[in-house]
Amino acid sequence: MTDSGENGGGGNLDRRIAEAQANHTRGISSAEGSAETRGWAVGIEFVGTVLVCGFIGWSFDRWMELKTPWGLIVMLLLGFAAGTRRAMQTSASFDSDPGNDPKR
């Protein structure tokens, strides 16, 4: 099978590949895409930490057969604090990365 058939040759294939790549990037640069990915990673890590701690607290309350959800409340507060601390550490490591310099 050859490219010179109904597609109009190799030049047409190159043009279609370039159009597909342009449509895929949605007009954002690779640096912006990388920043967006890192932002999502920090957010998901924060939410995951809070949810895991909340589940541990809920499980503790069920295991101890407590009528008030003190384990859940305490663990949610600890999870929020741990998630915030971890998000700050991760963000600081992104800021110290020389590849993130906007002047480059």
N, C-alpha and C. Protein backbone atom coordinates (compact mmCIF):
# COMPACT_ATOMS: atom_id res chain seq x y z
N MET A 1 0.84 -1.17 0.00
CA MET A 1 0.00 0.00 0.00
C MET A 1 0.89 1.24 0.00
N THR A 2 0.56 2.24 -0.75
CA THR A 2 1.39 3.44 -0.86
C THR A 2 0.63 4.66 -0.38
N ASP A 3 1.39 5.70 -0.07
CA ASP A 3 0.81 6.96 0.37
C ASP A 3 0.30 7.80 -0.79
N SER A 4 0.74 7.53 -1.99
CA SER A 4 0.39 8.38 -3.12
C SER A 4 -1.02 8.12 -3.64
N GLY A 5 -1.77 7.28 -3.00
CA GLY A 5 -3.13 6.96 -3.43
C GLY A 5 -4.08 8.11 -3.19
N GLU A 6 -5.13 7.85 -2.48
CA GLU A 6 -6.16 8.87 -2.27
C GLU A 6 -5.78 9.94 -1.26
N ASN A 7 -4.69 9.76 -0.52
CA ASN A 7 -4.28 10.75 0.47
C ASN A 7 -3.46 11.89 -0.12
N GLY A 8 -3.02 11.78 -1.34
CA GLY A 8 -2.30 12.88 -1.98
C GLY A 8 -0.82 12.89 -1.73
N GLY A 9 -0.20 11.83 -1.28
CA GLY A 9 1.25 11.78 -1.13
C GLY A 9 1.71 12.01 0.29
N GLY A 10 3.06 11.96 0.45
CA GLY A 10 3.67 12.09 1.77
C GLY A 10 3.49 13.47 2.38
N GLY A 11 3.46 14.51 1.55
CA GLY A 11 3.27 15.87 2.07
C GLY A 11 1.93 16.02 2.77
N ASN A 12 0.93 15.39 2.25
CA ASN A 12 -0.40 15.43 2.86
C ASN A 12 -0.39 14.71 4.20
N LEU A 13 0.34 13.61 4.29
CA LEU A 13 0.45 12.88 5.54
C LEU A 13 1.13 13.74 6.61
N ASP A 14 2.20 14.44 6.22
CA ASP A 14 2.88 15.33 7.15
C ASP A 14 1.95 16.44 7.63
N ARG A 15 1.16 16.99 6.72
CA ARG A 15 0.21 18.04 7.09
C ARG A 15 -0.84 17.52 8.06
N ARG A 16 -1.34 16.32 7.81
CA ARG A 16 -2.36 15.74 8.70
C ARG A 16 -1.79 15.43 10.07
N ILE A 17 -0.53 14.97 10.12
CA ILE A 17 0.11 14.72 11.41
C ILE A 17 0.29 16.03 12.18
N ALA A 18 0.71 17.07 11.51
CA ALA A 18 0.88 18.38 12.16
C ALA A 18 -0.45 18.90 12.67
N GLU A 19 -1.52 18.74 11.90
CA GLU A 19 -2.85 19.17 12.34
C GLU A 19 -3.31 18.38 13.57
N ALA A 20 -3.05 17.08 13.55
CA ALA A 20 -3.45 16.25 14.69
C ALA A 20 -2.68 16.65 15.95
N GLN A 21 -1.38 16.93 15.81
CA GLN A 21 -0.59 17.36 16.96
C GLN A 21 -1.07 18.71 17.48
N ALA A 22 -1.42 19.62 16.58
CA ALA A 22 -1.92 20.93 16.99
C ALA A 22 -3.25 20.80 17.72
N ASN A 23 -4.12 19.93 17.24
CA ASN A 23 -5.40 19.71 17.91
C ASN A 23 -5.22 19.04 19.26
N HIS A 24 -4.21 18.19 19.37
CA HIS A 24 -3.97 17.48 20.62
C HIS A 24 -3.47 18.42 21.72
N THR A 25 -2.64 19.39 21.39
CA THR A 25 -2.08 20.28 22.41
C THR A 25 -3.08 21.32 22.88
N ARG A 26 -4.14 21.55 22.17
CA ARG A 26 -5.19 22.51 22.54
C ARG A 26 -4.65 23.91 22.78
N GLY A 27 -3.56 24.24 22.13
CA GLY A 27 -3.02 25.59 22.22
C GLY A 27 -2.21 25.87 23.48
N ILE A 28 -1.81 24.85 24.23
CA ILE A 28 -1.00 25.08 25.42
C ILE A 28 0.40 24.56 25.15
N SER A 29 1.37 25.20 25.77
CA SER A 29 2.76 24.77 25.60
C SER A 29 3.03 23.55 26.48
N SER A 30 4.15 22.91 26.25
CA SER A 30 4.49 21.74 27.06
C SER A 30 4.77 22.15 28.51
N ALA A 31 5.31 23.35 28.72
CA ALA A 31 5.56 23.81 30.10
C ALA A 31 4.24 24.03 30.83
N GLU A 32 3.25 24.59 30.14
CA GLU A 32 1.94 24.78 30.77
C GLU A 32 1.28 23.44 31.05
N GLY A 33 1.43 22.50 30.15
CA GLY A 33 0.88 21.16 30.37
C GLY A 33 1.54 20.47 31.54
N SER A 34 2.85 20.65 31.68
CA SER A 34 3.57 20.06 32.80
C SER A 34 3.12 20.67 34.12
N ALA A 35 2.91 21.99 34.14
CA ALA A 35 2.44 22.66 35.35
C ALA A 35 1.04 22.20 35.72
N GLU A 36 0.20 22.01 34.71
CA GLU A 36 -1.15 21.53 34.97
C GLU A 36 -1.12 20.12 35.55
N THR A 37 -0.26 19.28 35.01
CA THR A 37 -0.14 17.91 35.51
C THR A 37 0.34 17.91 36.96
N ARG A 38 1.31 18.75 37.26
CA ARG A 38 1.82 18.82 38.64
C ARG A 38 0.75 19.35 39.59
N GLY A 39 -0.03 20.31 39.13
CA GLY A 39 -1.12 20.83 39.96
C GLY A 39 -2.15 19.76 40.29
N TRP A 40 -2.52 18.99 39.29
CA TRP A 40 -3.45 17.88 39.52
C TRP A 40 -2.86 16.87 40.48
N ALA A 41 -1.57 16.59 40.36
CA ALA A 41 -0.92 15.62 41.23
C ALA A 41 -0.97 16.08 42.69
N VAL A 42 -0.71 17.36 42.93
CA VAL A 42 -0.77 17.89 44.29
C VAL A 42 -2.19 17.80 44.84
N GLY A 43 -3.17 18.17 44.03
CA GLY A 43 -4.56 18.12 44.47
C GLY A 43 -5.04 16.72 44.77
N ILE A 44 -4.69 15.78 43.92
CA ILE A 44 -5.11 14.39 44.13
C ILE A 44 -4.43 13.81 45.36
N GLU A 45 -3.18 14.15 45.55
CA GLU A 45 -2.46 13.67 46.73
C GLU A 45 -3.09 14.22 48.02
N PHE A 46 -3.48 15.49 48.00
CA PHE A 46 -4.12 16.10 49.17
C PHE A 46 -5.45 15.41 49.47
N VAL A 47 -6.30 15.27 48.46
CA VAL A 47 -7.62 14.65 48.67
C VAL A 47 -7.46 13.20 49.10
N GLY A 48 -6.51 12.49 48.51
CA GLY A 48 -6.27 11.10 48.89
C GLY A 48 -5.86 10.97 50.34
N THR A 49 -5.01 11.86 50.80
CA THR A 49 -4.58 11.82 52.20
C THR A 49 -5.75 12.03 53.14
N VAL A 50 -6.60 13.00 52.84
CA VAL A 50 -7.76 13.27 53.69
C VAL A 50 -8.71 12.09 53.68
N LEU A 51 -8.97 11.51 52.52
CA LEU A 51 -9.90 10.38 52.43
C LEU A 51 -9.37 9.15 53.16
N VAL A 52 -8.10 8.86 53.01
CA VAL A 52 -7.53 7.69 53.70
C VAL A 52 -7.59 7.87 55.21
N CYS A 53 -7.24 9.05 55.69
CA CYS A 53 -7.30 9.31 57.13
C CYS A 53 -8.75 9.25 57.63
N GLY A 54 -9.67 9.79 56.86
CA GLY A 54 -11.09 9.72 57.24
C GLY A 54 -11.57 8.28 57.31
N PHE A 55 -11.16 7.46 56.37
CA PHE A 55 -11.55 6.06 56.39
C PHE A 55 -10.97 5.34 57.60
N ILE A 56 -9.73 5.66 57.94
CA ILE A 56 -9.11 5.05 59.13
C ILE A 56 -9.89 5.44 60.39
N GLY A 57 -10.25 6.72 60.50
CA GLY A 57 -11.03 7.17 61.65
C GLY A 57 -12.40 6.52 61.71
N TRP A 58 -13.07 6.42 60.57
CA TRP A 58 -14.38 5.78 60.51
C TRP A 58 -14.27 4.30 60.91
N SER A 59 -13.23 3.62 60.43
CA SER A 59 -13.03 2.21 60.76
C SER A 59 -12.77 2.05 62.26
N PHE A 60 -11.99 2.96 62.82
CA PHE A 60 -11.73 2.91 64.26
C PHE A 60 -13.02 3.08 65.05
N ASP A 61 -13.85 4.02 64.65
CA ASP A 61 -15.13 4.23 65.34
C ASP A 61 -16.01 2.99 65.26
N ARG A 62 -16.05 2.35 64.10
CA ARG A 62 -16.87 1.14 63.94
C ARG A 62 -16.30 -0.01 64.78
N TRP A 63 -14.97 -0.14 64.79
CA TRP A 63 -14.34 -1.22 65.52
C TRP A 63 -14.55 -1.06 67.02
N MET A 64 -14.45 0.17 67.51
CA MET A 64 -14.63 0.43 68.94
C MET A 64 -16.11 0.59 69.32
N GLU A 65 -16.99 0.58 68.33
CA GLU A 65 -18.43 0.74 68.51
C GLU A 65 -18.77 2.03 69.27
N LEU A 66 -18.13 3.12 68.85
CA LEU A 66 -18.37 4.42 69.47
C LEU A 66 -19.64 5.03 68.90
N LYS A 67 -20.39 5.70 69.76
CA LYS A 67 -21.62 6.34 69.31
C LYS A 67 -21.37 7.70 68.67
N THR A 68 -20.31 8.37 69.08
CA THR A 68 -19.94 9.65 68.47
C THR A 68 -18.71 9.42 67.58
N PRO A 69 -18.63 10.13 66.47
CA PRO A 69 -17.55 9.88 65.50
C PRO A 69 -16.25 10.61 65.83
N TRP A 70 -15.74 10.45 67.05
CA TRP A 70 -14.52 11.17 67.44
C TRP A 70 -13.31 10.71 66.65
N GLY A 71 -13.22 9.43 66.37
CA GLY A 71 -12.10 8.94 65.58
C GLY A 71 -12.10 9.54 64.18
N LEU A 72 -13.28 9.62 63.58
CA LEU A 72 -13.40 10.21 62.25
C LEU A 72 -13.02 11.69 62.27
N ILE A 73 -13.51 12.41 63.26
CA ILE A 73 -13.22 13.85 63.35
C ILE A 73 -11.72 14.09 63.53
N VAL A 74 -11.12 13.36 64.46
CA VAL A 74 -9.69 13.54 64.74
C VAL A 74 -8.86 13.18 63.52
N MET A 75 -9.19 12.06 62.89
CA MET A 75 -8.40 11.62 61.74
C MET A 75 -8.60 12.54 60.53
N LEU A 76 -9.80 13.10 60.36
CA LEU A 76 -9.99 14.06 59.27
C LEU A 76 -9.14 15.31 59.49
N LEU A 77 -9.08 15.78 60.73
CA LEU A 77 -8.24 16.94 61.04
C LEU A 77 -6.75 16.63 60.81
N LEU A 78 -6.33 15.46 61.26
CA LEU A 78 -4.94 15.06 61.03
C LEU A 78 -4.66 14.87 59.54
N GLY A 79 -5.62 14.31 58.82
CA GLY A 79 -5.45 14.12 57.38
C GLY A 79 -5.37 15.44 56.64
N PHE A 80 -6.18 16.42 57.06
CA PHE A 80 -6.12 17.74 56.45
C PHE A 80 -4.76 18.39 56.71
N ALA A 81 -4.27 18.27 57.94
CA ALA A 81 -2.96 18.84 58.27
C ALA A 81 -1.85 18.14 57.49
N ALA A 82 -1.91 16.81 57.42
CA ALA A 82 -0.87 16.06 56.70
C ALA A 82 -0.94 16.35 55.20
N GLY A 83 -2.14 16.45 54.66
CA GLY A 83 -2.30 16.75 53.24
C GLY A 83 -1.79 18.14 52.90
N THR A 84 -2.06 19.10 53.76
CA THR A 84 -1.58 20.47 53.55
C THR A 84 -0.05 20.51 53.61
N ARG A 85 0.51 19.83 54.60
CA ARG A 85 1.97 19.80 54.73
C ARG A 85 2.61 19.15 53.51
N ARG A 86 2.05 18.05 53.07
CA ARG A 86 2.60 17.34 51.91
C ARG A 86 2.47 18.17 50.63
N ALA A 87 1.35 18.86 50.47
CA ALA A 87 1.15 19.71 49.29
C ALA A 87 2.16 20.86 49.29
N MET A 88 2.43 21.42 50.45
CA MET A 88 3.41 22.50 50.54
C MET A 88 4.82 21.99 50.21
N GLN A 89 5.16 20.80 50.70
CA GLN A 89 6.47 20.22 50.40
C GLN A 89 6.61 19.94 48.91
N THR A 90 5.57 19.37 48.31
CA THR A 90 5.62 19.05 46.89
C THR A 90 5.71 20.31 46.06
N SER A 91 4.94 21.32 46.42
CA SER A 91 4.99 22.59 45.70
C SER A 91 6.36 23.25 45.81
N ALA A 92 6.96 23.16 46.98
CA ALA A 92 8.29 23.73 47.17
C ALA A 92 9.33 23.01 46.31
N SER A 93 9.18 21.71 46.17
CA SER A 93 10.13 20.97 45.33
C SER A 93 9.95 21.34 43.86
N PHE A 94 8.73 21.65 43.44
CA PHE A 94 8.50 22.10 42.07
C PHE A 94 9.12 23.48 41.86
N ASP A 95 9.02 24.35 42.86
CA ASP A 95 9.56 25.69 42.75
C ASP A 95 11.09 25.68 42.70
N SER A 96 11.72 24.73 43.38
CA SER A 96 13.18 24.68 43.40
C SER A 96 13.76 23.99 42.18
N ASP A 97 12.93 23.38 41.35
CA ASP A 97 13.40 22.71 40.13
C ASP A 97 13.81 23.77 39.10
N PRO A 98 15.07 23.76 38.65
CA PRO A 98 15.53 24.79 37.70
C PRO A 98 14.80 24.71 36.35
N GLY A 99 14.20 23.60 36.03
CA GLY A 99 13.47 23.47 34.78
C GLY A 99 12.16 24.24 34.78
N ASN A 100 11.74 24.75 35.94
CA ASN A 100 10.49 25.49 36.04
C ASN A 100 10.66 26.99 35.96
N ASP A 101 11.86 27.45 35.63
CA ASP A 101 12.12 28.88 35.55
C ASP A 101 11.35 29.48 34.37
N PRO A 102 10.41 30.40 34.61
CA PRO A 102 9.63 30.97 33.51
C PRO A 102 10.45 31.87 32.58
N LYS A 103 11.64 32.30 33.01
CA LYS A 103 12.47 33.18 32.20
C LYS A 103 13.26 32.41 31.15
N ARG A 104 13.26 31.11 31.22
CA ARG A 104 14.03 30.29 30.27
C ARG A 104 13.30 30.12 28.98
